[in-house]
Amino acid sequence: MNDAFDQFWQWREKPPGSRLAISNEIYSAVMSLPEAQRTSREAVNAAVESWSALRSSTTGLFVDSAAALRPSNRRELCRD
């Protein structure tokens, strides 16, 4: 399997009309790098790994917040 660096460059160099796609996670992580670092395998793979870790840690916050806002949970949170 290709790493994130290979996936990004295959996508970036795809021929016109190709339907090859990459995940939003890879695209966002690579685009957050300065252009000069996008050619570094280590920098790209590290950025995607960091992006993945950040997204997975913040997703839990959104899920927990949504659960706290459910009507049944709000009553429990407001009880003294």
N, C-alpha and C. Protein backbone atom coordinates (compact mmCIF):
# COMPACT_ATOMS: atom_id res chain seq x y z
N MET A 1 0.84 -1.19 0.00
CA MET A 1 0.00 0.00 0.00
C MET A 1 0.88 1.25 0.00
N ASN A 2 0.46 2.26 -0.71
CA ASN A 2 1.20 3.51 -0.79
C ASN A 2 1.01 4.32 0.48
N ASP A 3 2.06 5.05 0.86
CA ASP A 3 1.92 5.95 2.00
C ASP A 3 1.24 7.24 1.53
N ALA A 4 1.01 8.15 2.46
CA ALA A 4 0.30 9.39 2.15
C ALA A 4 1.05 10.21 1.10
N PHE A 5 2.37 10.20 1.17
CA PHE A 5 3.19 10.93 0.21
C PHE A 5 2.92 10.42 -1.21
N ASP A 6 2.97 9.10 -1.38
CA ASP A 6 2.71 8.51 -2.71
C ASP A 6 1.30 8.80 -3.18
N GLN A 7 0.32 8.69 -2.28
CA GLN A 7 -1.07 8.94 -2.66
C GLN A 7 -1.25 10.38 -3.13
N PHE A 8 -0.66 11.32 -2.39
CA PHE A 8 -0.79 12.73 -2.76
C PHE A 8 -0.18 13.00 -4.12
N TRP A 9 1.03 12.51 -4.35
CA TRP A 9 1.71 12.80 -5.62
C TRP A 9 1.08 12.07 -6.79
N GLN A 10 0.54 10.88 -6.57
CA GLN A 10 -0.19 10.21 -7.66
C GLN A 10 -1.41 11.03 -8.03
N TRP A 11 -2.10 11.55 -7.01
CA TRP A 11 -3.28 12.38 -7.26
C TRP A 11 -2.89 13.69 -7.95
N ARG A 12 -1.84 14.33 -7.47
CA ARG A 12 -1.43 15.62 -8.02
C ARG A 12 -0.97 15.51 -9.48
N GLU A 13 -0.37 14.39 -9.83
CA GLU A 13 0.16 14.21 -11.18
C GLU A 13 -0.76 13.38 -12.08
N LYS A 14 -2.01 13.21 -11.66
CA LYS A 14 -2.94 12.41 -12.46
C LYS A 14 -3.21 13.09 -13.80
N PRO A 15 -3.52 12.30 -14.81
CA PRO A 15 -3.81 12.90 -16.12
C PRO A 15 -5.16 13.60 -16.11
N PRO A 16 -5.34 14.54 -17.02
CA PRO A 16 -6.64 15.23 -17.12
C PRO A 16 -7.76 14.22 -17.34
N GLY A 17 -8.86 14.42 -16.66
CA GLY A 17 -10.01 13.53 -16.79
C GLY A 17 -9.98 12.34 -15.86
N SER A 18 -8.88 12.13 -15.15
CA SER A 18 -8.78 11.01 -14.22
C SER A 18 -9.70 11.23 -13.04
N ARG A 19 -10.29 10.18 -12.56
CA ARG A 19 -11.18 10.27 -11.40
C ARG A 19 -10.49 9.85 -10.12
N LEU A 20 -9.16 9.74 -10.16
CA LEU A 20 -8.38 9.39 -8.99
C LEU A 20 -8.63 10.44 -7.90
N ALA A 21 -8.86 9.97 -6.68
CA ALA A 21 -9.16 10.88 -5.57
C ALA A 21 -8.30 10.53 -4.36
N ILE A 22 -8.14 11.49 -3.48
CA ILE A 22 -7.48 11.25 -2.19
C ILE A 22 -8.43 11.71 -1.10
N SER A 23 -8.17 11.28 0.11
CA SER A 23 -9.03 11.67 1.22
C SER A 23 -8.83 13.14 1.57
N ASN A 24 -9.86 13.71 2.16
CA ASN A 24 -9.79 15.09 2.64
C ASN A 24 -8.68 15.23 3.68
N GLU A 25 -8.48 14.18 4.45
CA GLU A 25 -7.45 14.18 5.49
C GLU A 25 -6.07 14.39 4.87
N ILE A 26 -5.76 13.65 3.82
CA ILE A 26 -4.45 13.80 3.16
C ILE A 26 -4.34 15.18 2.52
N TYR A 27 -5.36 15.57 1.78
CA TYR A 27 -5.34 16.87 1.10
C TYR A 27 -5.14 18.01 2.10
N SER A 28 -5.91 18.03 3.16
CA SER A 28 -5.83 19.12 4.14
C SER A 28 -4.47 19.16 4.83
N ALA A 29 -3.97 18.00 5.20
CA ALA A 29 -2.68 17.94 5.89
C ALA A 29 -1.56 18.44 4.97
N VAL A 30 -1.54 17.98 3.73
CA VAL A 30 -0.47 18.38 2.80
C VAL A 30 -0.59 19.86 2.45
N MET A 31 -1.80 20.35 2.25
CA MET A 31 -1.97 21.75 1.91
C MET A 31 -1.62 22.68 3.07
N SER A 32 -1.59 22.14 4.29
CA SER A 32 -1.20 22.96 5.44
C SER A 32 0.32 23.16 5.50
N LEU A 33 1.06 22.36 4.72
CA LEU A 33 2.52 22.49 4.68
C LEU A 33 2.94 23.59 3.73
N PRO A 34 4.07 24.23 4.01
CA PRO A 34 4.63 25.15 3.02
C PRO A 34 4.94 24.37 1.74
N GLU A 35 4.83 25.01 0.61
CA GLU A 35 4.99 24.31 -0.66
C GLU A 35 6.33 23.57 -0.76
N ALA A 36 7.39 24.14 -0.23
CA ALA A 36 8.71 23.50 -0.30
C ALA A 36 8.75 22.17 0.45
N GLN A 37 7.92 22.01 1.49
CA GLN A 37 7.93 20.78 2.28
C GLN A 37 7.05 19.69 1.68
N ARG A 38 6.24 20.02 0.69
CA ARG A 38 5.34 19.03 0.09
C ARG A 38 6.08 17.98 -0.72
N THR A 39 7.35 18.21 -1.00
CA THR A 39 8.15 17.23 -1.73
C THR A 39 8.94 16.32 -0.79
N SER A 40 8.81 16.52 0.49
CA SER A 40 9.49 15.70 1.49
C SER A 40 8.57 14.58 1.97
N ARG A 41 8.98 13.35 1.72
CA ARG A 41 8.18 12.20 2.15
C ARG A 41 7.95 12.24 3.66
N GLU A 42 9.00 12.53 4.41
CA GLU A 42 8.90 12.55 5.88
C GLU A 42 7.94 13.64 6.34
N ALA A 43 8.03 14.83 5.75
CA ALA A 43 7.17 15.94 6.16
C ALA A 43 5.71 15.65 5.84
N VAL A 44 5.46 15.11 4.65
CA VAL A 44 4.07 14.82 4.25
C VAL A 44 3.47 13.74 5.15
N ASN A 45 4.19 12.64 5.33
CA ASN A 45 3.65 11.56 6.16
C ASN A 45 3.45 12.00 7.61
N ALA A 46 4.38 12.81 8.13
CA ALA A 46 4.23 13.32 9.50
C ALA A 46 3.02 14.25 9.61
N ALA A 47 2.83 15.10 8.61
CA ALA A 47 1.69 16.03 8.63
C ALA A 47 0.37 15.27 8.61
N VAL A 48 0.28 14.23 7.77
CA VAL A 48 -0.95 13.45 7.70
C VAL A 48 -1.19 12.71 9.01
N GLU A 49 -0.14 12.17 9.60
CA GLU A 49 -0.28 11.47 10.88
C GLU A 49 -0.73 12.43 11.97
N SER A 50 -0.14 13.62 12.02
CA SER A 50 -0.54 14.62 13.02
C SER A 50 -1.98 15.07 12.79
N TRP A 51 -2.35 15.27 11.54
CA TRP A 51 -3.70 15.69 11.20
C TRP A 51 -4.71 14.64 11.65
N SER A 52 -4.36 13.37 11.42
CA SER A 52 -5.25 12.27 11.82
C SER A 52 -5.42 12.23 13.33
N ALA A 53 -4.32 12.39 14.05
CA ALA A 53 -4.38 12.37 15.51
C ALA A 53 -5.21 13.54 16.04
N LEU A 54 -5.03 14.70 15.44
CA LEU A 54 -5.79 15.88 15.86
C LEU A 54 -7.28 15.70 15.61
N ARG A 55 -7.61 15.19 14.42
CA ARG A 55 -9.02 14.99 14.09
C ARG A 55 -9.68 13.96 14.99
N SER A 56 -8.96 12.87 15.30
CA SER A 56 -9.57 11.83 16.13
C SER A 56 -9.74 12.32 17.56
N SER A 57 -8.84 13.18 18.05
CA SER A 57 -8.99 13.69 19.42
C SER A 57 -10.10 14.72 19.51
N THR A 58 -10.30 15.55 18.49
CA THR A 58 -11.36 16.56 18.54
C THR A 58 -12.72 15.96 18.21
N THR A 59 -12.76 14.88 17.47
CA THR A 59 -14.04 14.25 17.16
C THR A 59 -14.72 13.80 18.44
N GLY A 60 -13.95 13.29 19.37
CA GLY A 60 -14.51 12.88 20.66
C GLY A 60 -15.17 14.04 21.39
N LEU A 61 -14.60 15.22 21.26
CA LEU A 61 -15.19 16.40 21.90
C LEU A 61 -16.55 16.71 21.32
N PHE A 62 -16.68 16.62 20.00
CA PHE A 62 -17.95 16.90 19.36
C PHE A 62 -19.00 15.86 19.73
N VAL A 63 -18.60 14.61 19.78
CA VAL A 63 -19.53 13.55 20.14
C VAL A 63 -19.99 13.73 21.58
N ASP A 64 -19.06 14.02 22.49
CA ASP A 64 -19.42 14.22 23.89
C ASP A 64 -20.32 15.44 24.05
N SER A 65 -20.05 16.50 23.32
CA SER A 65 -20.88 17.71 23.40
C SER A 65 -22.29 17.43 22.90
N ALA A 66 -22.40 16.68 21.82
CA ALA A 66 -23.71 16.36 21.28
C ALA A 66 -24.51 15.52 22.27
N ALA A 67 -23.87 14.59 22.93
CA ALA A 67 -24.56 13.76 23.91
C ALA A 67 -25.03 14.61 25.09
N ALA A 68 -24.22 15.57 25.49
CA ALA A 68 -24.59 16.42 26.62
C ALA A 68 -25.78 17.31 26.30
N LEU A 69 -26.01 17.59 25.04
CA LEU A 69 -27.10 18.47 24.65
C LEU A 69 -28.42 17.76 24.44
N ARG A 70 -28.41 16.44 24.48
CA ARG A 70 -29.68 15.72 24.34
C ARG A 70 -30.58 16.06 25.52
N PRO A 71 -31.89 16.20 25.29
CA PRO A 71 -32.80 16.59 26.37
C PRO A 71 -32.68 15.71 27.61
N SER A 72 -32.56 14.41 27.45
CA SER A 72 -32.47 13.54 28.62
C SER A 72 -31.20 13.81 29.42
N ASN A 73 -30.11 14.15 28.76
CA ASN A 73 -28.86 14.42 29.47
C ASN A 73 -28.84 15.81 30.09
N ARG A 74 -29.52 16.75 29.48
CA ARG A 74 -29.54 18.11 30.05
C ARG A 74 -30.21 18.11 31.42
N ARG A 75 -31.25 17.34 31.58
CA ARG A 75 -31.91 17.28 32.89
C ARG A 75 -30.96 16.76 33.94
N GLU A 76 -30.19 15.74 33.61
CA GLU A 76 -29.25 15.17 34.56
C GLU A 76 -28.14 16.16 34.88
N LEU A 77 -27.69 16.92 33.89
CA LEU A 77 -26.61 17.87 34.10
C LEU A 77 -27.05 19.04 34.98
N CYS A 78 -28.34 19.39 34.93
CA CYS A 78 -28.84 20.53 35.68
C CYS A 78 -29.23 20.16 37.10
N ARG A 79 -29.32 18.88 37.42
CA ARG A 79 -29.69 18.47 38.77
C ARG A 79 -28.60 18.80 39.77
N ASP A 80 -28.98 19.22 40.93
CA ASP A 80 -28.00 19.50 42.01
C ASP A 80 -27.95 18.38 42.99
